[in-house]
Amino acid sequence: MTKQLSEKCCNPTITLIVPCEIKCQAVISGKVTSNGVCPVEGAKVCLSSSLPGIVNFDPNPTITDENGEYIW
């Protein structure tokens, strides 16, 4: 996180929205907020899997938009 982002973001909260079942492909989305309320724009969000080489995230990392939201 850049210095500019870290100064603006206190107590970051990351929300991850994952479908119940994923077959081959699915959209994973979420939101990064500061203090659970204010969206954090420009935050780098990285995902990893316990099954490397089998589960991939593209793009990875992704960057939050002006609403603090990201989509894979």
N, C-alpha and C. Protein backbone atom coordinates (compact mmCIF):
# COMPACT_ATOMS: atom_id res chain seq x y z
N MET A 1 0.86 -1.17 0.00
CA MET A 1 0.00 0.00 0.00
C MET A 1 0.90 1.23 0.00
N THR A 2 0.61 2.18 -0.85
CA THR A 2 1.42 3.38 -0.91
C THR A 2 1.21 4.24 0.32
N LYS A 3 2.14 5.16 0.55
CA LYS A 3 2.03 6.03 1.72
C LYS A 3 0.73 6.82 1.67
N GLN A 4 0.37 7.31 0.48
CA GLN A 4 -0.86 8.09 0.34
C GLN A 4 -2.08 7.26 0.76
N LEU A 5 -2.15 6.00 0.33
CA LEU A 5 -3.28 5.15 0.71
C LEU A 5 -3.26 4.84 2.20
N SER A 6 -2.07 4.54 2.75
CA SER A 6 -2.01 4.17 4.16
C SER A 6 -2.41 5.33 5.06
N GLU A 7 -2.17 6.57 4.66
CA GLU A 7 -2.57 7.71 5.46
C GLU A 7 -4.09 7.88 5.46
N LYS A 8 -4.75 7.50 4.38
CA LYS A 8 -6.20 7.66 4.26
C LYS A 8 -6.97 6.48 4.84
N CYS A 9 -6.34 5.33 4.94
CA CYS A 9 -7.04 4.11 5.29
C CYS A 9 -6.74 3.68 6.73
N CYS A 10 -7.71 3.85 7.60
CA CYS A 10 -7.58 3.39 8.97
C CYS A 10 -8.48 2.18 9.16
N ASN A 11 -7.96 1.16 9.82
CA ASN A 11 -8.73 -0.05 10.07
C ASN A 11 -9.38 -0.59 8.80
N PRO A 12 -8.58 -0.99 7.80
CA PRO A 12 -9.18 -1.46 6.54
C PRO A 12 -9.99 -2.73 6.74
N THR A 13 -11.10 -2.82 6.00
CA THR A 13 -11.96 -4.00 5.99
C THR A 13 -12.05 -4.48 4.56
N ILE A 14 -11.82 -5.77 4.33
CA ILE A 14 -11.93 -6.33 3.00
C ILE A 14 -13.10 -7.31 2.99
N THR A 15 -14.04 -7.06 2.08
CA THR A 15 -15.18 -7.94 1.90
C THR A 15 -14.94 -8.76 0.65
N LEU A 16 -15.18 -10.06 0.73
CA LEU A 16 -15.01 -10.97 -0.40
C LEU A 16 -16.35 -11.63 -0.68
N ILE A 17 -16.82 -11.53 -1.92
CA ILE A 17 -18.10 -12.13 -2.32
C ILE A 17 -17.79 -13.25 -3.31
N VAL A 18 -18.05 -14.49 -2.90
CA VAL A 18 -17.73 -15.66 -3.71
C VAL A 18 -19.00 -16.46 -3.95
N PRO A 19 -19.23 -16.91 -5.19
CA PRO A 19 -20.40 -17.75 -5.46
C PRO A 19 -20.35 -19.03 -4.63
N CYS A 20 -21.51 -19.61 -4.36
CA CYS A 20 -21.58 -20.86 -3.58
C CYS A 20 -20.84 -21.99 -4.26
N GLU A 21 -20.93 -22.06 -5.57
CA GLU A 21 -20.28 -23.13 -6.32
C GLU A 21 -19.58 -22.53 -7.53
N ILE A 22 -18.35 -22.93 -7.75
CA ILE A 22 -17.58 -22.44 -8.89
C ILE A 22 -17.24 -23.63 -9.77
N LYS A 23 -17.65 -23.56 -11.03
CA LYS A 23 -17.33 -24.60 -12.01
C LYS A 23 -16.56 -23.94 -13.15
N CYS A 24 -15.30 -24.22 -13.25
CA CYS A 24 -14.40 -23.70 -14.28
C CYS A 24 -14.14 -22.20 -14.15
N GLN A 25 -15.19 -21.39 -14.10
CA GLN A 25 -15.01 -19.94 -14.00
C GLN A 25 -16.10 -19.35 -13.12
N ALA A 26 -15.77 -18.26 -12.48
CA ALA A 26 -16.77 -17.53 -11.69
C ALA A 26 -16.23 -16.13 -11.42
N VAL A 27 -17.12 -15.23 -11.09
CA VAL A 27 -16.74 -13.86 -10.74
C VAL A 27 -16.62 -13.78 -9.23
N ILE A 28 -15.48 -13.28 -8.78
CA ILE A 28 -15.26 -13.01 -7.37
C ILE A 28 -15.15 -11.50 -7.25
N SER A 29 -15.88 -10.94 -6.32
CA SER A 29 -15.86 -9.49 -6.17
C SER A 29 -15.81 -9.14 -4.69
N GLY A 30 -15.68 -7.88 -4.42
CA GLY A 30 -15.66 -7.44 -3.04
C GLY A 30 -15.44 -5.95 -2.93
N LYS A 31 -15.15 -5.51 -1.73
CA LYS A 31 -15.00 -4.08 -1.46
C LYS A 31 -13.98 -3.89 -0.34
N VAL A 32 -13.19 -2.81 -0.44
CA VAL A 32 -12.25 -2.43 0.60
C VAL A 32 -12.73 -1.11 1.17
N THR A 33 -12.93 -1.08 2.49
CA THR A 33 -13.39 0.15 3.14
C THR A 33 -12.46 0.51 4.29
N SER A 34 -12.48 1.77 4.65
CA SER A 34 -11.74 2.27 5.79
C SER A 34 -12.72 2.47 6.93
N ASN A 35 -12.39 1.93 8.10
CA ASN A 35 -13.28 1.98 9.26
C ASN A 35 -14.64 1.37 8.96
N GLY A 36 -14.69 0.44 7.99
CA GLY A 36 -15.92 -0.26 7.67
C GLY A 36 -16.94 0.58 6.93
N VAL A 37 -16.59 1.82 6.55
CA VAL A 37 -17.57 2.71 5.93
C VAL A 37 -17.05 3.33 4.64
N CYS A 38 -15.96 4.07 4.70
CA CYS A 38 -15.45 4.85 3.56
C CYS A 38 -14.73 3.94 2.56
N PRO A 39 -15.09 4.01 1.27
CA PRO A 39 -14.42 3.20 0.27
C PRO A 39 -12.96 3.62 0.11
N VAL A 40 -12.09 2.62 -0.15
CA VAL A 40 -10.67 2.88 -0.37
C VAL A 40 -10.39 2.69 -1.86
N GLU A 41 -10.07 3.77 -2.55
CA GLU A 41 -9.77 3.73 -3.98
C GLU A 41 -8.29 3.46 -4.19
N GLY A 42 -7.98 2.65 -5.20
CA GLY A 42 -6.59 2.41 -5.58
C GLY A 42 -5.86 1.39 -4.72
N ALA A 43 -6.57 0.62 -3.91
CA ALA A 43 -5.93 -0.41 -3.09
C ALA A 43 -5.64 -1.64 -3.95
N LYS A 44 -4.46 -2.23 -3.77
CA LYS A 44 -4.09 -3.44 -4.49
C LYS A 44 -4.62 -4.64 -3.69
N VAL A 45 -5.42 -5.49 -4.34
CA VAL A 45 -6.00 -6.67 -3.69
C VAL A 45 -5.44 -7.90 -4.40
N CYS A 46 -4.82 -8.81 -3.63
CA CYS A 46 -4.24 -10.03 -4.18
C CYS A 46 -4.96 -11.23 -3.57
N LEU A 47 -5.24 -12.23 -4.39
CA LEU A 47 -5.81 -13.48 -3.90
C LEU A 47 -4.81 -14.61 -4.15
N SER A 48 -4.87 -15.62 -3.31
CA SER A 48 -4.06 -16.81 -3.51
C SER A 48 -4.92 -18.02 -3.18
N SER A 49 -4.43 -19.18 -3.56
CA SER A 49 -5.17 -20.42 -3.35
C SER A 49 -4.27 -21.46 -2.71
N SER A 50 -4.87 -22.35 -1.95
CA SER A 50 -4.12 -23.47 -1.40
C SER A 50 -3.88 -24.53 -2.48
N LEU A 51 -4.44 -24.31 -3.68
CA LEU A 51 -4.26 -25.22 -4.81
C LEU A 51 -3.57 -24.48 -5.96
N PRO A 52 -2.32 -24.05 -5.77
CA PRO A 52 -1.64 -23.30 -6.84
C PRO A 52 -1.53 -24.15 -8.10
N GLY A 53 -1.68 -23.50 -9.23
CA GLY A 53 -1.63 -24.20 -10.50
C GLY A 53 -2.97 -24.77 -10.92
N ILE A 54 -3.88 -24.93 -9.98
CA ILE A 54 -5.22 -25.42 -10.29
C ILE A 54 -6.21 -24.27 -10.26
N VAL A 55 -6.10 -23.42 -9.25
CA VAL A 55 -6.97 -22.26 -9.12
C VAL A 55 -6.15 -21.01 -9.44
N ASN A 56 -6.62 -20.23 -10.40
CA ASN A 56 -5.93 -19.01 -10.81
C ASN A 56 -6.86 -17.82 -10.72
N PHE A 57 -6.29 -16.66 -10.48
CA PHE A 57 -7.04 -15.42 -10.41
C PHE A 57 -6.47 -14.48 -11.45
N ASP A 58 -7.33 -13.96 -12.32
CA ASP A 58 -6.86 -13.10 -13.41
C ASP A 58 -7.79 -11.92 -13.58
N PRO A 59 -7.33 -10.70 -13.41
CA PRO A 59 -5.97 -10.30 -13.07
C PRO A 59 -5.69 -10.48 -11.59
N ASN A 60 -4.44 -10.61 -11.26
CA ASN A 60 -4.04 -10.72 -9.85
C ASN A 60 -2.67 -10.08 -9.70
N PRO A 61 -2.57 -8.97 -9.04
CA PRO A 61 -3.59 -8.33 -8.21
C PRO A 61 -4.57 -7.52 -9.05
N THR A 62 -5.63 -7.12 -8.40
CA THR A 62 -6.58 -6.18 -8.99
C THR A 62 -6.59 -4.92 -8.13
N ILE A 63 -7.08 -3.83 -8.67
CA ILE A 63 -7.06 -2.54 -7.98
C ILE A 63 -8.49 -2.07 -7.75
N THR A 64 -8.77 -1.56 -6.56
CA THR A 64 -10.13 -1.08 -6.26
C THR A 64 -10.45 0.18 -7.04
N ASP A 65 -11.73 0.34 -7.37
CA ASP A 65 -12.17 1.54 -8.09
C ASP A 65 -12.55 2.64 -7.09
N GLU A 66 -13.18 3.69 -7.58
CA GLU A 66 -13.53 4.84 -6.73
C GLU A 66 -14.53 4.49 -5.63
N ASN A 67 -15.23 3.35 -5.78
CA ASN A 67 -16.17 2.89 -4.76
C ASN A 67 -15.56 1.86 -3.82
N GLY A 68 -14.25 1.61 -3.97
CA GLY A 68 -13.57 0.61 -3.17
C GLY A 68 -13.85 -0.81 -3.61
N GLU A 69 -14.47 -0.98 -4.78
CA GLU A 69 -14.88 -2.30 -5.25
C GLU A 69 -13.85 -2.90 -6.21
N TYR A 70 -13.78 -4.22 -6.20
CA TYR A 70 -12.89 -4.93 -7.12
C TYR A 70 -13.64 -6.14 -7.67
N ILE A 71 -13.19 -6.62 -8.85
CA ILE A 71 -13.82 -7.76 -9.51
C ILE A 71 -12.72 -8.61 -10.13
N TRP A 72 -12.84 -9.94 -9.95
CA TRP A 72 -11.99 -10.89 -10.67
C TRP A 72 -12.84 -11.59 -11.66
